[in-house]
Amino acid sequence: MKISGVEIHIELAEFRDALALQKALGRSLKGQKLDLAGVSSDVIKKDASGNIDVSSVDLSGAGGIATTILNLLLGPVCSDEVESAALACAKKCYVESTRDPINTDFFDKPENRELYYPIMVEVIKANCGPFIKGLVSSFGDLGAILGKGLTRK
């Protein structure tokens, strides 16, 4: 997988590490509320394929959504538990060209720091996706919609 021009090999972690990451992520997001004030169904338009046309979405008057998104991002980003668990899951991952492992030493280099969040997001998707996909699949069509975002590419 190429991230900002760097080919990264994402390897699945051991079950125990992946499960710990999934639980840490869940704890960091638990209790977050989605504020949809100011959004009505007529502001969300879909293209011919039925996909949401993001460019046409009008969120003026929907300040709660921005706060919700910020809180959903900051929960995991500010969690030492999520950081530790994600780094544990990344220990089998490496840079393809140099075989440099993805660990704190890799991110100590200033030129690699911009890769931290893109790489960690991929590590989280790869390791938590199967758990969440299996869980949401029991919710029928809603599960299929939610599971689309968790598919590993």
N, C-alpha and C. Protein backbone atom coordinates (compact mmCIF):
# COMPACT_ATOMS: atom_id res chain seq x y z
N MET A 1 0.85 -1.16 0.00
CA MET A 1 0.00 0.00 0.00
C MET A 1 0.90 1.23 0.00
N LYS A 2 0.56 2.18 -0.86
CA LYS A 2 1.36 3.39 -0.96
C LYS A 2 0.72 4.50 -0.14
N ILE A 3 1.50 5.10 0.74
CA ILE A 3 1.05 6.21 1.59
C ILE A 3 2.03 7.35 1.41
N SER A 4 1.54 8.46 0.87
CA SER A 4 2.38 9.64 0.60
C SER A 4 3.66 9.27 -0.14
N GLY A 5 3.53 8.40 -1.12
CA GLY A 5 4.67 8.01 -1.95
C GLY A 5 5.55 6.93 -1.36
N VAL A 6 5.25 6.47 -0.16
CA VAL A 6 6.05 5.44 0.50
C VAL A 6 5.27 4.14 0.50
N GLU A 7 5.88 3.09 -0.02
CA GLU A 7 5.23 1.77 -0.05
C GLU A 7 5.35 1.13 1.33
N ILE A 8 4.21 0.91 1.97
CA ILE A 8 4.15 0.33 3.32
C ILE A 8 3.51 -1.05 3.24
N HIS A 9 4.12 -2.01 3.90
CA HIS A 9 3.53 -3.35 4.00
C HIS A 9 2.77 -3.42 5.33
N ILE A 10 1.46 -3.59 5.24
CA ILE A 10 0.61 -3.70 6.43
C ILE A 10 0.33 -5.17 6.66
N GLU A 11 0.78 -5.67 7.78
CA GLU A 11 0.61 -7.08 8.15
C GLU A 11 -0.37 -7.14 9.33
N LEU A 12 -1.26 -8.11 9.32
CA LEU A 12 -2.19 -8.27 10.44
C LEU A 12 -1.42 -8.68 11.70
N ALA A 13 -1.84 -8.12 12.80
CA ALA A 13 -1.23 -8.44 14.10
C ALA A 13 -1.79 -9.77 14.61
N GLU A 14 -1.18 -10.24 15.66
CA GLU A 14 -1.71 -11.43 16.33
C GLU A 14 -3.08 -11.09 16.91
N PHE A 15 -3.92 -12.11 17.05
CA PHE A 15 -5.29 -11.92 17.52
C PHE A 15 -5.34 -11.10 18.81
N ARG A 16 -4.52 -11.42 19.77
CA ARG A 16 -4.54 -10.75 21.07
C ARG A 16 -4.28 -9.25 20.92
N ASP A 17 -3.30 -8.88 20.09
CA ASP A 17 -2.98 -7.47 19.87
C ASP A 17 -4.09 -6.75 19.12
N ALA A 18 -4.65 -7.41 18.10
CA ALA A 18 -5.74 -6.80 17.32
C ALA A 18 -6.98 -6.61 18.20
N LEU A 19 -7.28 -7.58 19.03
CA LEU A 19 -8.43 -7.46 19.92
C LEU A 19 -8.22 -6.33 20.93
N ALA A 20 -7.01 -6.20 21.45
CA ALA A 20 -6.71 -5.11 22.39
C ALA A 20 -6.89 -3.75 21.71
N LEU A 21 -6.49 -3.65 20.45
CA LEU A 21 -6.67 -2.40 19.70
C LEU A 21 -8.14 -2.10 19.50
N GLN A 22 -8.89 -3.10 19.11
CA GLN A 22 -10.33 -2.92 18.89
C GLN A 22 -11.02 -2.46 20.17
N LYS A 23 -10.66 -3.04 21.30
CA LYS A 23 -11.27 -2.65 22.57
C LYS A 23 -10.84 -1.24 22.98
N ALA A 24 -9.57 -0.89 22.78
CA ALA A 24 -9.08 0.45 23.12
C ALA A 24 -9.78 1.49 22.26
N LEU A 25 -9.94 1.20 20.99
CA LEU A 25 -10.63 2.11 20.09
C LEU A 25 -12.09 2.27 20.52
N GLY A 26 -12.73 1.18 20.85
CA GLY A 26 -14.12 1.23 21.31
C GLY A 26 -14.27 2.06 22.57
N ARG A 27 -13.35 1.88 23.52
CA ARG A 27 -13.42 2.67 24.76
C ARG A 27 -13.22 4.15 24.49
N SER A 28 -12.36 4.47 23.52
CA SER A 28 -12.10 5.89 23.23
C SER A 28 -13.28 6.55 22.53
N LEU A 29 -14.12 5.76 21.88
CA LEU A 29 -15.28 6.30 21.16
C LEU A 29 -16.59 6.16 21.95
N LYS A 30 -16.58 5.32 22.96
CA LYS A 30 -17.79 5.04 23.72
C LYS A 30 -18.37 6.32 24.31
N GLY A 31 -19.65 6.47 24.17
CA GLY A 31 -20.34 7.62 24.75
C GLY A 31 -20.38 8.84 23.86
N GLN A 32 -19.71 8.79 22.70
CA GLN A 32 -19.78 9.93 21.78
C GLN A 32 -21.18 10.01 21.21
N LYS A 33 -21.68 11.23 21.08
CA LYS A 33 -23.04 11.43 20.57
C LYS A 33 -22.97 12.13 19.22
N LEU A 34 -23.81 11.71 18.30
CA LEU A 34 -23.90 12.31 16.99
C LEU A 34 -24.95 13.40 17.03
N ASP A 35 -24.53 14.63 16.82
CA ASP A 35 -25.44 15.78 16.84
C ASP A 35 -25.81 16.12 15.41
N LEU A 36 -27.04 15.83 15.02
CA LEU A 36 -27.50 16.09 13.67
C LEU A 36 -28.39 17.33 13.59
N ALA A 37 -28.33 18.18 14.60
CA ALA A 37 -29.13 19.40 14.59
C ALA A 37 -28.76 20.23 13.37
N GLY A 38 -29.77 20.70 12.65
CA GLY A 38 -29.54 21.53 11.48
C GLY A 38 -29.42 20.76 10.19
N VAL A 39 -29.49 19.45 10.25
CA VAL A 39 -29.41 18.64 9.03
C VAL A 39 -30.78 18.04 8.77
N SER A 40 -31.24 18.22 7.56
CA SER A 40 -32.49 17.58 7.17
C SER A 40 -32.22 16.72 5.94
N SER A 41 -33.10 15.80 5.66
CA SER A 41 -32.86 14.86 4.57
C SER A 41 -32.77 15.53 3.21
N ASP A 42 -33.30 16.75 3.06
CA ASP A 42 -33.25 17.40 1.76
C ASP A 42 -31.89 18.03 1.46
N VAL A 43 -30.97 18.08 2.42
CA VAL A 43 -29.64 18.64 2.13
C VAL A 43 -28.68 17.58 1.62
N ILE A 44 -29.03 16.32 1.73
CA ILE A 44 -28.14 15.25 1.27
C ILE A 44 -28.64 14.77 -0.09
N LYS A 45 -27.80 14.99 -1.11
CA LYS A 45 -28.16 14.60 -2.47
C LYS A 45 -27.32 13.40 -2.88
N LYS A 46 -27.88 12.57 -3.75
CA LYS A 46 -27.18 11.39 -4.23
C LYS A 46 -26.99 11.48 -5.73
N ASP A 47 -25.91 10.86 -6.21
CA ASP A 47 -25.67 10.82 -7.65
C ASP A 47 -26.48 9.69 -8.27
N ALA A 48 -26.31 9.47 -9.57
CA ALA A 48 -27.08 8.46 -10.29
C ALA A 48 -26.87 7.05 -9.74
N SER A 49 -25.71 6.80 -9.13
CA SER A 49 -25.42 5.48 -8.58
C SER A 49 -25.95 5.30 -7.16
N GLY A 50 -26.53 6.36 -6.60
CA GLY A 50 -27.05 6.28 -5.24
C GLY A 50 -26.03 6.63 -4.18
N ASN A 51 -24.83 7.07 -4.60
CA ASN A 51 -23.80 7.49 -3.64
C ASN A 51 -24.04 8.94 -3.23
N ILE A 52 -23.71 9.26 -2.00
CA ILE A 52 -23.87 10.63 -1.52
C ILE A 52 -22.91 11.53 -2.29
N ASP A 53 -23.46 12.62 -2.84
CA ASP A 53 -22.67 13.62 -3.54
C ASP A 53 -22.17 14.61 -2.50
N VAL A 54 -20.94 14.38 -2.02
CA VAL A 54 -20.38 15.17 -0.93
C VAL A 54 -20.31 16.64 -1.28
N SER A 55 -20.06 16.96 -2.54
CA SER A 55 -19.92 18.36 -2.94
C SER A 55 -21.23 19.13 -2.83
N SER A 56 -22.35 18.43 -2.79
CA SER A 56 -23.64 19.11 -2.73
C SER A 56 -24.21 19.20 -1.31
N VAL A 57 -23.53 18.62 -0.35
CA VAL A 57 -24.04 18.61 1.01
C VAL A 57 -23.90 20.00 1.63
N ASP A 58 -25.00 20.53 2.13
CA ASP A 58 -25.00 21.84 2.76
C ASP A 58 -25.15 21.63 4.27
N LEU A 59 -24.08 21.91 4.99
CA LEU A 59 -24.09 21.72 6.44
C LEU A 59 -24.16 23.04 7.19
N SER A 60 -24.51 24.11 6.48
CA SER A 60 -24.65 25.38 7.19
C SER A 60 -25.78 25.24 8.20
N GLY A 61 -25.55 25.69 9.38
CA GLY A 61 -26.53 25.54 10.44
C GLY A 61 -26.41 24.21 11.17
N ALA A 62 -25.41 23.40 10.81
CA ALA A 62 -25.23 22.10 11.43
C ALA A 62 -23.91 22.05 12.18
N GLY A 63 -23.67 23.04 13.02
CA GLY A 63 -22.42 23.13 13.77
C GLY A 63 -22.15 21.93 14.65
N GLY A 64 -23.20 21.26 15.10
CA GLY A 64 -23.03 20.09 15.95
C GLY A 64 -22.27 18.96 15.27
N ILE A 65 -22.40 18.86 13.95
CA ILE A 65 -21.71 17.80 13.22
C ILE A 65 -20.21 18.01 13.27
N ALA A 66 -19.77 19.26 13.09
CA ALA A 66 -18.34 19.55 13.16
C ALA A 66 -17.79 19.19 14.53
N THR A 67 -18.52 19.51 15.57
CA THR A 67 -18.10 19.17 16.93
C THR A 67 -18.06 17.66 17.11
N THR A 68 -19.06 16.97 16.60
CA THR A 68 -19.11 15.51 16.70
C THR A 68 -17.92 14.88 15.99
N ILE A 69 -17.64 15.32 14.77
CA ILE A 69 -16.51 14.77 14.02
C ILE A 69 -15.21 15.03 14.76
N LEU A 70 -15.05 16.24 15.27
CA LEU A 70 -13.84 16.58 16.02
C LEU A 70 -13.70 15.68 17.24
N ASN A 71 -14.77 15.46 17.97
CA ASN A 71 -14.73 14.59 19.15
C ASN A 71 -14.43 13.14 18.77
N LEU A 72 -15.00 12.67 17.66
CA LEU A 72 -14.75 11.30 17.21
C LEU A 72 -13.29 11.11 16.81
N LEU A 73 -12.67 12.15 16.27
CA LEU A 73 -11.25 12.07 15.91
C LEU A 73 -10.36 12.21 17.13
N LEU A 74 -10.69 13.16 18.01
CA LEU A 74 -9.83 13.43 19.15
C LEU A 74 -9.83 12.31 20.19
N GLY A 75 -10.95 11.58 20.31
CA GLY A 75 -11.00 10.48 21.27
C GLY A 75 -9.86 9.50 21.06
N PRO A 76 -9.78 8.87 19.88
CA PRO A 76 -8.68 7.95 19.62
C PRO A 76 -7.31 8.63 19.54
N VAL A 77 -7.24 9.82 18.93
CA VAL A 77 -5.96 10.50 18.76
C VAL A 77 -5.31 10.83 20.11
N CYS A 78 -6.13 11.16 21.09
CA CYS A 78 -5.61 11.56 22.41
C CYS A 78 -5.49 10.39 23.39
N SER A 79 -5.80 9.20 22.93
CA SER A 79 -5.79 8.04 23.81
C SER A 79 -4.43 7.34 23.80
N ASP A 80 -3.77 7.33 24.96
CA ASP A 80 -2.51 6.60 25.09
C ASP A 80 -2.74 5.10 24.87
N GLU A 81 -3.90 4.62 25.29
CA GLU A 81 -4.22 3.19 25.14
C GLU A 81 -4.34 2.81 23.66
N VAL A 82 -5.01 3.66 22.87
CA VAL A 82 -5.13 3.39 21.43
C VAL A 82 -3.76 3.46 20.77
N GLU A 83 -2.96 4.47 21.14
CA GLU A 83 -1.62 4.61 20.57
C GLU A 83 -0.77 3.37 20.84
N SER A 84 -0.76 2.93 22.08
CA SER A 84 0.03 1.76 22.46
C SER A 84 -0.43 0.51 21.72
N ALA A 85 -1.75 0.32 21.65
CA ALA A 85 -2.30 -0.85 20.98
C ALA A 85 -2.04 -0.81 19.48
N ALA A 86 -2.15 0.37 18.87
CA ALA A 86 -1.91 0.49 17.43
C ALA A 86 -0.44 0.22 17.11
N LEU A 87 0.46 0.73 17.94
CA LEU A 87 1.89 0.48 17.73
C LEU A 87 2.22 -1.01 17.91
N ALA A 88 1.54 -1.66 18.85
CA ALA A 88 1.74 -3.11 19.03
C ALA A 88 1.29 -3.86 17.78
N CYS A 89 0.19 -3.41 17.17
CA CYS A 89 -0.30 -4.05 15.95
C CYS A 89 0.60 -3.74 14.75
N ALA A 90 1.31 -2.63 14.80
CA ALA A 90 2.16 -2.22 13.68
C ALA A 90 3.52 -2.91 13.68
N LYS A 91 3.83 -3.66 14.74
CA LYS A 91 5.18 -4.21 14.86
C LYS A 91 5.56 -5.17 13.73
N LYS A 92 4.58 -5.73 13.01
CA LYS A 92 4.88 -6.61 11.87
C LYS A 92 4.88 -5.83 10.55
N CYS A 93 4.57 -4.55 10.60
CA CYS A 93 4.50 -3.72 9.39
C CYS A 93 5.87 -3.11 9.11
N TYR A 94 6.11 -2.80 7.84
CA TYR A 94 7.42 -2.24 7.48
C TYR A 94 7.34 -1.47 6.17
N VAL A 95 8.39 -0.66 5.94
CA VAL A 95 8.54 0.06 4.68
C VAL A 95 9.11 -0.93 3.67
N GLU A 96 8.44 -1.07 2.53
CA GLU A 96 8.84 -2.08 1.54
C GLU A 96 10.29 -1.89 1.07
N SER A 97 10.70 -0.67 0.71
CA SER A 97 12.01 -0.46 0.09
C SER A 97 13.18 -0.66 1.04
N THR A 98 13.00 -0.32 2.32
CA THR A 98 14.12 -0.38 3.27
C THR A 98 13.97 -1.46 4.32
N ARG A 99 12.77 -2.03 4.39
CA ARG A 99 12.42 -3.01 5.43
C ARG A 99 12.46 -2.39 6.82
N ASP A 100 12.42 -1.02 6.91
CA ASP A 100 12.36 -0.36 8.21
C ASP A 100 11.05 -0.72 8.89
N PRO A 101 11.10 -1.19 10.13
CA PRO A 101 9.86 -1.52 10.83
C PRO A 101 9.09 -0.25 11.19
N ILE A 102 7.77 -0.39 11.24
CA ILE A 102 6.91 0.72 11.65
C ILE A 102 6.83 0.68 13.17
N ASN A 103 7.60 1.55 13.81
CA ASN A 103 7.63 1.62 15.27
C ASN A 103 8.02 3.04 15.68
N THR A 104 8.21 3.27 16.96
CA THR A 104 8.52 4.63 17.41
C THR A 104 9.85 5.13 16.86
N ASP A 105 10.81 4.24 16.63
CA ASP A 105 12.08 4.66 16.03
C ASP A 105 11.85 5.22 14.62
N PHE A 106 10.98 4.58 13.88
CA PHE A 106 10.65 5.06 12.52
C PHE A 106 10.08 6.47 12.59
N PHE A 107 9.18 6.71 13.54
CA PHE A 107 8.53 8.02 13.64
C PHE A 107 9.38 9.05 14.37
N ASP A 108 10.48 8.64 14.98
CA ASP A 108 11.42 9.59 15.57
C ASP A 108 12.05 10.48 14.48
N LYS A 109 12.17 9.96 13.28
CA LYS A 109 12.72 10.73 12.17
C LYS A 109 11.68 11.77 11.74
N PRO A 110 12.04 13.06 11.80
CA PRO A 110 11.07 14.12 11.45
C PRO A 110 10.39 13.93 10.09
N GLU A 111 11.12 13.42 9.10
CA GLU A 111 10.53 13.25 7.77
C GLU A 111 9.46 12.15 7.73
N ASN A 112 9.42 11.29 8.74
CA ASN A 112 8.42 10.22 8.78
C ASN A 112 7.18 10.57 9.61
N ARG A 113 7.23 11.65 10.34
CA ARG A 113 6.12 11.97 11.25
C ARG A 113 4.82 12.26 10.54
N GLU A 114 4.90 12.83 9.34
CA GLU A 114 3.67 13.10 8.60
C GLU A 114 2.99 11.79 8.17
N LEU A 115 3.71 10.69 8.22
CA LEU A 115 3.15 9.39 7.86
C LEU A 115 2.45 8.71 9.03
N TYR A 116 2.63 9.24 10.24
CA TYR A 116 2.10 8.57 11.43
C TYR A 116 0.60 8.29 11.32
N TYR A 117 -0.21 9.33 11.16
CA TYR A 117 -1.66 9.10 11.14
C TYR A 117 -2.11 8.29 9.93
N PRO A 118 -1.62 8.58 8.72
CA PRO A 118 -2.05 7.72 7.60
C PRO A 118 -1.71 6.24 7.80
N ILE A 119 -0.52 5.96 8.33
CA ILE A 119 -0.14 4.56 8.56
C ILE A 119 -0.98 3.96 9.69
N MET A 120 -1.14 4.68 10.79
CA MET A 120 -1.90 4.13 11.92
C MET A 120 -3.36 3.90 11.56
N VAL A 121 -3.93 4.76 10.71
CA VAL A 121 -5.31 4.54 10.26
C VAL A 121 -5.39 3.23 9.49
N GLU A 122 -4.42 2.97 8.64
CA GLU A 122 -4.42 1.71 7.88
C GLU A 122 -4.22 0.50 8.79
N VAL A 123 -3.37 0.64 9.79
CA VAL A 123 -3.16 -0.44 10.77
C VAL A 123 -4.46 -0.71 11.52
N ILE A 124 -5.15 0.35 11.92
CA ILE A 124 -6.42 0.20 12.64
C ILE A 124 -7.47 -0.44 11.73
N LYS A 125 -7.58 0.03 10.49
CA LYS A 125 -8.56 -0.55 9.56
C LYS A 125 -8.29 -2.03 9.33
N ALA A 126 -7.02 -2.38 9.11
CA ALA A 126 -6.67 -3.77 8.83
C ALA A 126 -6.96 -4.68 10.02
N ASN A 127 -6.67 -4.19 11.23
CA ASN A 127 -6.79 -5.05 12.40
C ASN A 127 -8.15 -5.01 13.08
N CYS A 128 -8.85 -3.89 13.00
CA CYS A 128 -10.18 -3.79 13.63
C CYS A 128 -11.30 -4.10 12.65
N GLY A 129 -11.02 -3.89 11.37
CA GLY A 129 -12.05 -4.12 10.36
C GLY A 129 -12.73 -5.47 10.44
N PRO A 130 -11.97 -6.57 10.54
CA PRO A 130 -12.63 -7.89 10.60
C PRO A 130 -13.56 -8.05 11.81
N PHE A 131 -13.17 -7.51 12.96
CA PHE A 131 -14.02 -7.60 14.15
C PHE A 131 -15.32 -6.83 13.92
N ILE A 132 -15.19 -5.59 13.47
CA ILE A 132 -16.35 -4.73 13.31
C ILE A 132 -17.23 -5.22 12.17
N LYS A 133 -16.60 -5.65 11.09
CA LYS A 133 -17.36 -6.18 9.95
C LYS A 133 -18.20 -7.38 10.38
N GLY A 134 -17.60 -8.26 11.17
CA GLY A 134 -18.34 -9.43 11.66
C GLY A 134 -19.49 -9.04 12.57
N LEU A 135 -19.27 -8.01 13.37
CA LEU A 135 -20.32 -7.54 14.28
C LEU A 135 -21.47 -6.91 13.52
N VAL A 136 -21.16 -5.99 12.60
CA VAL A 136 -22.22 -5.27 11.91
C VAL A 136 -22.93 -6.12 10.88
N SER A 137 -22.32 -7.23 10.45
CA SER A 137 -22.98 -8.08 9.47
C SER A 137 -24.28 -8.66 10.02
N SER A 138 -24.38 -8.73 11.32
CA SER A 138 -25.62 -9.25 11.92
C SER A 138 -26.76 -8.23 11.88
N PHE A 139 -26.49 -7.02 11.38
CA PHE A 139 -27.51 -5.98 11.30
C PHE A 139 -28.05 -5.80 9.88
N GLY A 140 -27.86 -6.79 9.02
CA GLY A 140 -28.43 -6.78 7.67
C GLY A 140 -27.90 -5.65 6.81
N ASP A 141 -28.80 -4.92 6.14
CA ASP A 141 -28.40 -3.86 5.21
C ASP A 141 -27.61 -2.76 5.91
N LEU A 142 -27.99 -2.42 7.13
CA LEU A 142 -27.25 -1.39 7.87
C LEU A 142 -25.82 -1.86 8.08
N GLY A 143 -25.64 -3.12 8.39
CA GLY A 143 -24.31 -3.67 8.56
C GLY A 143 -23.50 -3.62 7.28
N ALA A 144 -24.16 -3.88 6.14
CA ALA A 144 -23.46 -3.84 4.86
C ALA A 144 -22.99 -2.42 4.55
N ILE A 145 -23.80 -1.43 4.86
CA ILE A 145 -23.42 -0.03 4.63
C ILE A 145 -22.24 0.34 5.51
N LEU A 146 -22.30 0.00 6.77
CA LEU A 146 -21.22 0.32 7.69
C LEU A 146 -19.94 -0.46 7.35
N GLY A 147 -20.11 -1.69 6.93
CA GLY A 147 -18.97 -2.55 6.62
C GLY A 147 -18.21 -2.13 5.38
N LYS A 148 -18.86 -1.38 4.46
CA LYS A 148 -18.19 -0.92 3.24
C LYS A 148 -16.94 -0.11 3.57
N GLY A 149 -17.02 0.71 4.58
CA GLY A 149 -15.89 1.56 4.95
C GLY A 149 -14.76 0.79 5.61
N LEU A 150 -15.00 -0.46 5.97
CA LEU A 150 -14.00 -1.25 6.68
C LEU A 150 -13.30 -2.26 5.79
N THR A 151 -13.63 -2.25 4.52
CA THR A 151 -13.03 -3.21 3.60
C THR A 151 -11.57 -2.85 3.34
N ARG A 152 -10.69 -3.80 3.52
CA ARG A 152 -9.27 -3.58 3.30
C ARG A 152 -8.98 -3.61 1.81
N LYS A 153 -8.29 -2.58 1.33
CA LYS A 153 -7.99 -2.48 -0.11
C LYS A 153 -6.65 -3.04 -0.42
